[in-house]
Amino acid sequence: MPRHEPGDASDPLVAFAFHELRRAVHGQALASEQVLRHALVFN
């Protein structure tokens, strides 16, 4: 895992970007789980 330089977390833009990235990945995982669940139910 890349080491964060001091000050990165305090940069609002960087913090926002990481937050959005995590939110997108989490949303993608939820969407995949929903699709998988529907596929199991309807097949």
N, C-alpha and C. Protein backbone atom coordinates (compact mmCIF):
# COMPACT_ATOMS: atom_id res chain seq x y z
N MET A 1 0.85 -1.20 0.00
CA MET A 1 0.00 0.00 0.00
C MET A 1 0.88 1.24 0.00
N PRO A 2 0.57 2.22 -0.85
CA PRO A 2 1.43 3.40 -0.93
C PRO A 2 1.41 4.19 0.37
N ARG A 3 2.59 4.68 0.74
CA ARG A 3 2.69 5.45 1.99
C ARG A 3 2.24 6.87 1.72
N HIS A 4 1.39 7.41 2.59
CA HIS A 4 0.91 8.77 2.41
C HIS A 4 1.92 9.75 3.00
N GLU A 5 2.23 10.78 2.24
CA GLU A 5 3.12 11.82 2.75
C GLU A 5 2.37 12.67 3.76
N PRO A 6 3.08 13.21 4.75
CA PRO A 6 2.42 14.09 5.72
C PRO A 6 1.75 15.26 5.00
N GLY A 7 0.52 15.55 5.39
CA GLY A 7 -0.17 16.67 4.77
C GLY A 7 -1.20 16.23 3.75
N ASP A 8 -1.07 15.00 3.23
CA ASP A 8 -2.03 14.53 2.23
C ASP A 8 -3.45 14.51 2.77
N ALA A 9 -3.60 13.95 3.96
CA ALA A 9 -4.94 13.78 4.52
C ALA A 9 -5.56 15.14 4.86
N SER A 10 -4.72 16.14 5.13
CA SER A 10 -5.24 17.45 5.51
C SER A 10 -5.61 18.28 4.28
N ASP A 11 -5.23 17.80 3.10
CA ASP A 11 -5.58 18.49 1.86
C ASP A 11 -7.03 18.13 1.53
N PRO A 12 -7.94 19.11 1.56
CA PRO A 12 -9.37 18.82 1.35
C PRO A 12 -9.63 18.17 0.00
N LEU A 13 -8.92 18.57 -1.03
CA LEU A 13 -9.13 18.03 -2.36
C LEU A 13 -8.76 16.55 -2.40
N VAL A 14 -7.62 16.21 -1.79
CA VAL A 14 -7.17 14.82 -1.75
C VAL A 14 -8.14 13.97 -0.92
N ALA A 15 -8.55 14.52 0.22
CA ALA A 15 -9.49 13.80 1.08
C ALA A 15 -10.79 13.56 0.34
N PHE A 16 -11.26 14.56 -0.38
CA PHE A 16 -12.51 14.44 -1.14
C PHE A 16 -12.37 13.39 -2.24
N ALA A 17 -11.23 13.41 -2.93
CA ALA A 17 -11.00 12.45 -4.01
C ALA A 17 -11.00 11.02 -3.47
N PHE A 18 -10.32 10.81 -2.35
CA PHE A 18 -10.29 9.47 -1.75
C PHE A 18 -11.68 9.05 -1.31
N HIS A 19 -12.44 10.00 -0.75
CA HIS A 19 -13.80 9.71 -0.30
C HIS A 19 -14.67 9.30 -1.48
N GLU A 20 -14.58 10.04 -2.58
CA GLU A 20 -15.38 9.73 -3.76
C GLU A 20 -14.98 8.38 -4.35
N LEU A 21 -13.67 8.10 -4.36
CA LEU A 21 -13.18 6.84 -4.90
C LEU A 21 -13.72 5.67 -4.08
N ARG A 22 -13.63 5.80 -2.75
CA ARG A 22 -14.16 4.74 -1.87
C ARG A 22 -15.65 4.57 -2.08
N ARG A 23 -16.37 5.68 -2.23
CA ARG A 23 -17.82 5.63 -2.40
C ARG A 23 -18.16 4.93 -3.71
N ALA A 24 -17.40 5.25 -4.76
CA ALA A 24 -17.65 4.64 -6.07
C ALA A 24 -17.38 3.14 -6.03
N VAL A 25 -16.27 2.74 -5.41
CA VAL A 25 -15.92 1.33 -5.32
C VAL A 25 -16.96 0.58 -4.50
N HIS A 26 -17.38 1.19 -3.40
CA HIS A 26 -18.39 0.56 -2.54
C HIS A 26 -19.71 0.43 -3.29
N GLY A 27 -20.09 1.47 -4.01
CA GLY A 27 -21.32 1.43 -4.79
C GLY A 27 -21.26 0.36 -5.87
N GLN A 28 -20.09 0.23 -6.50
CA GLN A 28 -19.90 -0.78 -7.53
C GLN A 28 -20.05 -2.18 -6.94
N ALA A 29 -19.49 -2.37 -5.75
CA ALA A 29 -19.59 -3.67 -5.08
C ALA A 29 -21.04 -3.98 -4.75
N LEU A 30 -21.78 -2.96 -4.28
CA LEU A 30 -23.18 -3.18 -3.95
C LEU A 30 -23.97 -3.52 -5.21
N ALA A 31 -23.69 -2.83 -6.30
CA ALA A 31 -24.39 -3.09 -7.56
C ALA A 31 -24.11 -4.51 -8.04
N SER A 32 -22.87 -4.94 -7.94
CA SER A 32 -22.51 -6.30 -8.37
C SER A 32 -23.23 -7.33 -7.52
N GLU A 33 -23.32 -7.06 -6.23
CA GLU A 33 -24.00 -7.99 -5.32
C GLU A 33 -25.48 -8.09 -5.67
N GLN A 34 -26.09 -6.94 -6.00
CA GLN A 34 -27.50 -6.92 -6.39
C GLN A 34 -27.71 -7.75 -7.65
N VAL A 35 -26.85 -7.55 -8.66
CA VAL A 35 -26.95 -8.28 -9.92
C VAL A 35 -26.80 -9.78 -9.67
N LEU A 36 -25.82 -10.13 -8.86
CA LEU A 36 -25.56 -11.53 -8.54
C LEU A 36 -26.78 -12.15 -7.86
N ARG A 37 -27.34 -11.41 -6.92
CA ARG A 37 -28.50 -11.89 -6.17
C ARG A 37 -29.69 -12.11 -7.09
N HIS A 38 -29.92 -11.15 -8.01
CA HIS A 38 -31.03 -11.30 -8.96
C HIS A 38 -30.80 -12.48 -9.90
N ALA A 39 -29.55 -12.65 -10.32
CA ALA A 39 -29.23 -13.77 -11.21
C ALA A 39 -29.51 -15.10 -10.51
N LEU A 40 -29.17 -15.18 -9.23
CA LEU A 40 -29.41 -16.42 -8.49
C LEU A 40 -30.90 -16.66 -8.30
N VAL A 41 -31.65 -15.60 -8.07
CA VAL A 41 -33.09 -15.74 -7.82
C VAL A 41 -33.83 -16.14 -9.09
N PHE A 42 -33.47 -15.53 -10.22
CA PHE A 42 -34.26 -15.72 -11.44
C PHE A 42 -33.78 -16.85 -12.34
N ASN A 43 -32.68 -17.51 -11.97
CA ASN A 43 -32.21 -18.60 -12.84
C ASN A 43 -32.57 -19.96 -12.25
